[in-house]
């Protein structure tokens, strides 16, 4: 079987958690939602970020 490749089913994409602002307001409009996992393009990398900070002033823009 030299040169034979097996086609394995690709795993279903796991959703990731994201902070999302969809309306104007204070910090209370920051929602944590599940979104599709992005696919990196050529020359790009996808990093797993376990924690991230949010500046208070950024919630008002």
N, C-alpha and C. Protein backbone atom coordinates (compact mmCIF):
# COMPACT_ATOMS: atom_id res chain seq x y z
N UNK A 1 0.81 -1.20 0.00
CA UNK A 1 0.00 0.00 0.00
C UNK A 1 0.85 1.26 0.00
N UNK A 2 1.93 1.22 -0.62
CA UNK A 2 2.78 2.38 -0.65
C UNK A 2 2.13 3.50 -1.47
N UNK A 3 2.18 4.72 -0.94
CA UNK A 3 1.59 5.85 -1.63
C UNK A 3 0.09 6.02 -1.44
N UNK A 4 -0.54 5.14 -0.65
CA UNK A 4 -1.98 5.24 -0.41
C UNK A 4 -2.24 6.12 0.80
N UNK A 5 -3.16 7.05 0.66
CA UNK A 5 -3.53 7.92 1.78
C UNK A 5 -4.95 7.66 2.18
N UNK A 6 -5.19 7.69 3.46
CA UNK A 6 -6.55 7.53 3.98
C UNK A 6 -7.18 8.90 4.17
N UNK A 7 -8.40 9.05 3.76
CA UNK A 7 -9.14 10.30 3.97
C UNK A 7 -9.92 10.17 5.27
N UNK A 8 -9.50 10.89 6.27
CA UNK A 8 -10.19 10.88 7.56
C UNK A 8 -11.20 12.01 7.61
N UNK A 9 -12.34 11.79 8.25
CA UNK A 9 -13.30 12.88 8.36
C UNK A 9 -12.72 14.00 9.22
N UNK A 10 -12.92 15.22 8.77
CA UNK A 10 -12.41 16.35 9.54
C UNK A 10 -13.32 16.57 10.75
N UNK A 11 -12.72 16.91 11.89
CA UNK A 11 -13.54 17.13 13.08
C UNK A 11 -14.43 18.35 12.90
N UNK A 12 -15.59 18.32 13.51
CA UNK A 12 -16.48 19.48 13.41
C UNK A 12 -15.85 20.65 14.15
N UNK A 13 -15.94 21.85 13.59
CA UNK A 13 -15.31 23.00 14.23
C UNK A 13 -15.92 23.27 15.60
N UNK A 14 -15.06 23.46 16.56
CA UNK A 14 -15.50 23.76 17.92
C UNK A 14 -15.73 25.26 18.05
N UNK A 15 -16.89 25.67 18.54
CA UNK A 15 -17.10 27.11 18.70
C UNK A 15 -16.16 27.68 19.76
N UNK A 16 -15.84 28.94 19.63
CA UNK A 16 -15.01 29.59 20.64
C UNK A 16 -15.84 30.67 21.33
N UNK A 17 -15.42 31.06 22.51
CA UNK A 17 -16.10 32.12 23.27
C UNK A 17 -15.48 33.46 22.89
N UNK A 18 -16.32 34.47 22.76
CA UNK A 18 -15.84 35.80 22.40
C UNK A 18 -16.65 36.86 23.11
N UNK A 19 -15.99 37.96 23.44
CA UNK A 19 -16.69 39.13 23.96
C UNK A 19 -17.20 39.93 22.78
N UNK A 20 -18.48 40.24 22.78
CA UNK A 20 -19.09 40.91 21.63
C UNK A 20 -19.95 42.07 22.09
N UNK A 21 -19.78 43.21 21.44
CA UNK A 21 -20.60 44.39 21.71
C UNK A 21 -21.44 44.66 20.47
N UNK A 22 -22.76 44.61 20.59
CA UNK A 22 -23.64 44.79 19.43
C UNK A 22 -24.55 46.00 19.57
N UNK A 23 -24.41 46.74 20.67
CA UNK A 23 -25.25 47.92 20.88
C UNK A 23 -24.49 48.94 21.72
N UNK A 24 -24.94 50.17 21.75
CA UNK A 24 -24.30 51.21 22.54
C UNK A 24 -24.66 51.04 24.01
N UNK A 25 -23.74 51.46 24.88
CA UNK A 25 -24.00 51.42 26.30
C UNK A 25 -22.72 51.25 27.08
N UNK A 26 -22.88 50.96 28.35
CA UNK A 26 -21.75 50.77 29.24
C UNK A 26 -21.25 49.34 29.21
N UNK A 27 -20.53 48.95 30.26
CA UNK A 27 -19.98 47.60 30.32
C UNK A 27 -21.04 46.49 30.27
N UNK A 28 -22.26 46.83 30.60
CA UNK A 28 -23.33 45.81 30.61
C UNK A 28 -23.70 45.33 29.20
N UNK A 29 -23.24 46.01 28.15
CA UNK A 29 -23.56 45.57 26.79
C UNK A 29 -22.52 44.60 26.23
N UNK A 30 -21.48 44.30 27.01
CA UNK A 30 -20.47 43.33 26.59
C UNK A 30 -21.02 41.94 26.87
N UNK A 31 -21.33 41.20 25.80
CA UNK A 31 -21.89 39.85 25.93
C UNK A 31 -20.83 38.82 25.59
N UNK A 32 -20.81 37.71 26.32
CA UNK A 32 -19.95 36.58 26.00
C UNK A 32 -20.77 35.61 25.18
N UNK A 33 -20.32 35.33 23.94
CA UNK A 33 -21.09 34.51 23.02
C UNK A 33 -20.20 33.42 22.41
N UNK A 34 -20.82 32.38 21.87
CA UNK A 34 -20.12 31.35 21.11
C UNK A 34 -20.12 31.76 19.65
N UNK A 35 -18.95 31.75 19.02
CA UNK A 35 -18.82 32.09 17.60
C UNK A 35 -18.04 30.98 16.92
N UNK A 36 -18.16 30.85 15.59
CA UNK A 36 -17.39 29.83 14.89
C UNK A 36 -15.89 30.09 14.99
N UNK A 37 -15.12 29.04 15.12
CA UNK A 37 -13.66 29.15 15.18
C UNK A 37 -13.13 29.63 13.82
N UNK A 38 -12.33 30.70 13.80
CA UNK A 38 -11.81 31.17 12.52
C UNK A 38 -10.78 30.20 11.94
N UNK A 39 -10.61 30.26 10.64
CA UNK A 39 -9.61 29.45 9.97
C UNK A 39 -8.50 30.37 9.49
N UNK A 40 -7.27 30.15 9.93
CA UNK A 40 -6.18 31.03 9.50
C UNK A 40 -5.88 30.85 8.02
N UNK A 41 -5.53 31.95 7.36
CA UNK A 41 -5.17 31.90 5.95
C UNK A 41 -3.68 31.65 5.79
N UNK A 42 -3.20 31.73 4.57
CA UNK A 42 -1.78 31.53 4.29
C UNK A 42 -0.95 32.56 5.05
N UNK A 43 0.07 32.10 5.73
CA UNK A 43 0.97 32.99 6.46
C UNK A 43 0.39 33.50 7.77
N UNK A 44 -0.76 32.99 8.20
CA UNK A 44 -1.38 33.41 9.45
C UNK A 44 -1.35 32.27 10.47
N UNK A 45 -1.48 32.62 11.73
CA UNK A 45 -1.56 31.63 12.80
C UNK A 45 -2.76 31.93 13.66
N UNK A 46 -3.30 30.89 14.29
CA UNK A 46 -4.42 31.02 15.20
C UNK A 46 -3.93 30.70 16.59
N UNK A 47 -4.06 31.62 17.53
CA UNK A 47 -3.58 31.44 18.89
C UNK A 47 -4.74 31.19 19.84
N UNK A 48 -4.52 30.38 20.83
CA UNK A 48 -5.50 30.11 21.87
C UNK A 48 -5.25 31.09 23.01
N UNK A 49 -6.16 32.03 23.22
CA UNK A 49 -6.04 33.03 24.27
C UNK A 49 -6.96 32.62 25.41
N UNK A 50 -6.39 32.35 26.57
CA UNK A 50 -7.22 31.89 27.68
C UNK A 50 -7.79 33.04 28.51
N UNK A 51 -7.09 34.17 28.56
CA UNK A 51 -7.61 35.34 29.27
C UNK A 51 -7.19 36.60 28.52
N UNK A 52 -8.01 37.63 28.61
CA UNK A 52 -7.69 38.90 27.96
C UNK A 52 -8.32 40.03 28.77
N UNK A 53 -7.69 41.16 28.75
CA UNK A 53 -8.21 42.31 29.47
C UNK A 53 -9.06 43.19 28.57
N UNK A 54 -9.97 43.93 29.18
CA UNK A 54 -10.80 44.90 28.47
C UNK A 54 -10.65 46.23 29.21
N UNK A 55 -10.24 47.26 28.49
CA UNK A 55 -10.13 48.59 29.10
C UNK A 55 -11.52 49.17 29.31
N UNK A 56 -11.75 49.75 30.48
CA UNK A 56 -13.05 50.32 30.81
C UNK A 56 -13.49 51.33 29.76
N UNK A 57 -12.56 52.18 29.31
CA UNK A 57 -12.91 53.22 28.33
C UNK A 57 -13.33 52.61 27.00
N UNK A 58 -12.83 51.44 26.63
CA UNK A 58 -13.19 50.82 25.35
C UNK A 58 -14.63 50.35 25.32
N UNK A 59 -15.27 50.18 26.44
CA UNK A 59 -16.67 49.74 26.45
C UNK A 59 -17.61 50.87 26.05
N UNK A 60 -17.11 52.10 25.98
CA UNK A 60 -17.95 53.24 25.64
C UNK A 60 -17.75 53.71 24.19
N UNK A 61 -16.99 52.99 23.38
CA UNK A 61 -16.75 53.40 21.98
C UNK A 61 -17.58 52.54 21.06
